[in-house]
């Protein structure tokens, strides 16, 4: 990737309760594909803060499919789980993920999506 994603983390965050659909392969569960519907709390060009009812292991590098909703696209990205902590007994987790790999065309869609929030 030509753009340094660490620099993207410094970009403006959008604090928006937008429901996005995240799909990934959970290797800790024997490679079983899991689909999650998460609520994003904070979106930036370099990553996401998600609310989920399932935890993700710290440091995991996971391919994700992010459905940005109607009028947008489904984009494939690779993320690294930077932090994950339980916020209540439901259980509910806040999960911070950093985009580590995203194709150029998907990056353009991602940036436009963020601008429109």
Protein backbone atom coordinates (compact mmCIF):
# COMPACT_ATOMS: atom_id res chain seq x y z
CA UNK A 1 0.00 0.00 0.00
CA UNK A 2 1.38 3.39 -0.91
CA UNK A 3 -0.25 5.37 1.90
CA UNK A 4 1.00 4.91 5.46
CA UNK A 5 -2.02 3.82 7.51
CA UNK A 6 -0.40 5.05 10.74
CA UNK A 7 -0.67 8.57 9.31
CA UNK A 8 -4.34 7.99 8.51
CA UNK A 9 -5.03 7.35 12.20
CA UNK A 10 -4.28 11.02 12.82
CA UNK A 11 -7.06 12.06 10.48
CA UNK A 12 -10.34 13.41 11.74
CA UNK A 13 -12.58 10.90 13.43
CA UNK A 14 -16.28 10.91 12.79
CA UNK A 15 -18.37 10.10 15.83
CA UNK A 16 -21.44 8.52 14.34
CA UNK A 17 -23.74 5.72 15.41
CA UNK A 18 -23.88 4.02 12.04
CA UNK A 19 -24.73 0.37 11.78
CA UNK A 20 -22.29 -1.46 9.58
CA UNK A 21 -22.06 -5.14 8.92
CA UNK A 22 -18.72 -6.80 9.58
CA UNK A 23 -17.94 -10.32 8.38
CA UNK A 24 -14.74 -12.17 9.16
CA UNK A 25 -13.15 -15.58 9.69
CA UNK A 26 -12.61 -16.32 13.36
CA UNK A 27 -9.52 -18.55 13.44
CA UNK A 28 -9.82 -19.17 17.16
CA UNK A 29 -13.09 -20.99 16.44
CA UNK A 30 -11.51 -23.45 14.03
CA UNK A 31 -11.79 -21.22 10.98
CA UNK A 32 -15.56 -20.95 11.25
CA UNK A 33 -16.95 -17.93 9.41
CA UNK A 34 -18.84 -15.59 11.68
CA UNK A 35 -21.11 -12.73 10.70
CA UNK A 36 -21.51 -9.81 13.05
CA UNK A 37 -23.61 -6.73 12.98
CA UNK A 38 -21.75 -4.01 14.78
CA UNK A 39 -22.48 -0.41 15.62
CA UNK A 40 -19.63 1.92 14.84
CA UNK A 41 -18.95 4.63 17.39
CA UNK A 42 -15.93 6.24 15.82
CA UNK A 43 -14.73 6.02 12.24
CA UNK A 44 -11.55 7.42 10.74
CA UNK A 45 -9.59 6.80 7.57
CA UNK A 46 -7.30 4.50 9.54
CA UNK A 47 -9.72 2.44 11.58
CA UNK A 48 -12.93 1.87 13.49
CA UNK A 49 -14.25 1.63 17.02
CA UNK A 50 -16.91 -1.06 17.02
CA UNK A 51 -19.49 -2.23 19.53
CA UNK A 52 -19.93 -6.01 19.40
CA UNK A 53 -21.35 -8.82 21.47
CA UNK A 54 -18.30 -10.97 20.73
CA UNK A 55 -14.69 -10.19 21.59
CA UNK A 56 -11.76 -10.29 19.19
CA UNK A 57 -8.27 -11.31 20.29
CA UNK A 58 -5.75 -8.49 20.69
CA UNK A 59 -3.20 -8.38 17.91
CA UNK A 60 -5.29 -10.52 15.58
CA UNK A 61 -4.89 -9.66 11.92
CA UNK A 62 -8.22 -10.42 10.32
CA UNK A 63 -9.63 -10.04 6.82
CA UNK A 64 -12.97 -8.24 7.10
CA UNK A 65 -15.78 -7.47 4.73
CA UNK A 66 -17.43 -4.17 5.63
CA UNK A 67 -20.87 -3.42 4.23
CA UNK A 68 -21.23 0.35 4.24
CA UNK A 69 -24.95 0.17 3.54
CA UNK A 70 -27.32 1.31 0.82
CA UNK A 71 -25.88 3.57 -1.85
CA UNK A 72 -22.36 2.48 -0.93
CA UNK A 73 -20.32 -0.65 -1.35
CA UNK A 74 -19.04 -3.71 0.39
CA UNK A 75 -15.30 -3.32 0.85
CA UNK A 76 -12.68 -5.88 1.79
CA UNK A 77 -10.03 -4.79 4.24
CA UNK A 78 -7.52 -6.37 6.58
CA UNK A 79 -7.52 -5.07 10.13
CA UNK A 80 -5.45 -5.50 13.26
CA UNK A 81 -7.27 -5.63 16.59
CA UNK A 82 -5.64 -2.93 18.70
CA UNK A 83 -7.84 -3.19 21.78
CA UNK A 84 -10.94 -4.96 23.04
CA UNK A 85 -12.67 -4.54 26.37
CA UNK A 86 -15.95 -5.58 27.90
CA UNK A 87 -18.26 -2.69 28.78
CA UNK A 88 -21.19 -4.57 30.34
CA UNK A 89 -22.47 -7.99 31.34
CA UNK A 90 -24.54 -8.59 28.17
CA UNK A 91 -21.64 -9.07 27.18
CA UNK A 92 -20.87 -6.04 25.04
CA UNK A 93 -17.38 -5.08 23.86
CA UNK A 94 -15.71 -2.00 22.46
CA UNK A 95 -13.21 -3.10 19.81
CA UNK A 96 -10.65 -0.87 18.15
CA UNK A 97 -9.36 -2.02 14.77
CA UNK A 98 -6.71 -0.47 12.58
CA UNK A 99 -6.92 -0.88 8.81
CA UNK A 100 -3.68 -2.53 7.77
CA UNK A 101 -4.47 -3.33 4.15
CA UNK A 102 -7.06 -1.92 1.79
CA UNK A 103 -7.05 -1.83 -2.02
CA UNK A 104 -6.76 1.58 -3.64
CA UNK A 105 -10.32 1.55 -5.04
CA UNK A 106 -11.72 0.50 -1.65
CA UNK A 107 -9.67 3.19 0.11
CA UNK A 108 -11.26 5.82 -2.15
CA UNK A 109 -14.76 4.54 -1.33
CA UNK A 110 -13.86 4.45 2.39
CA UNK A 111 -12.65 8.06 2.37
CA UNK A 112 -15.74 9.27 0.49
CA UNK A 113 -17.96 7.36 2.92
CA UNK A 114 -16.26 9.07 5.88
CA UNK A 115 -16.56 12.50 4.28
CA UNK A 116 -20.33 12.03 3.89
CA UNK A 117 -20.91 11.17 7.56
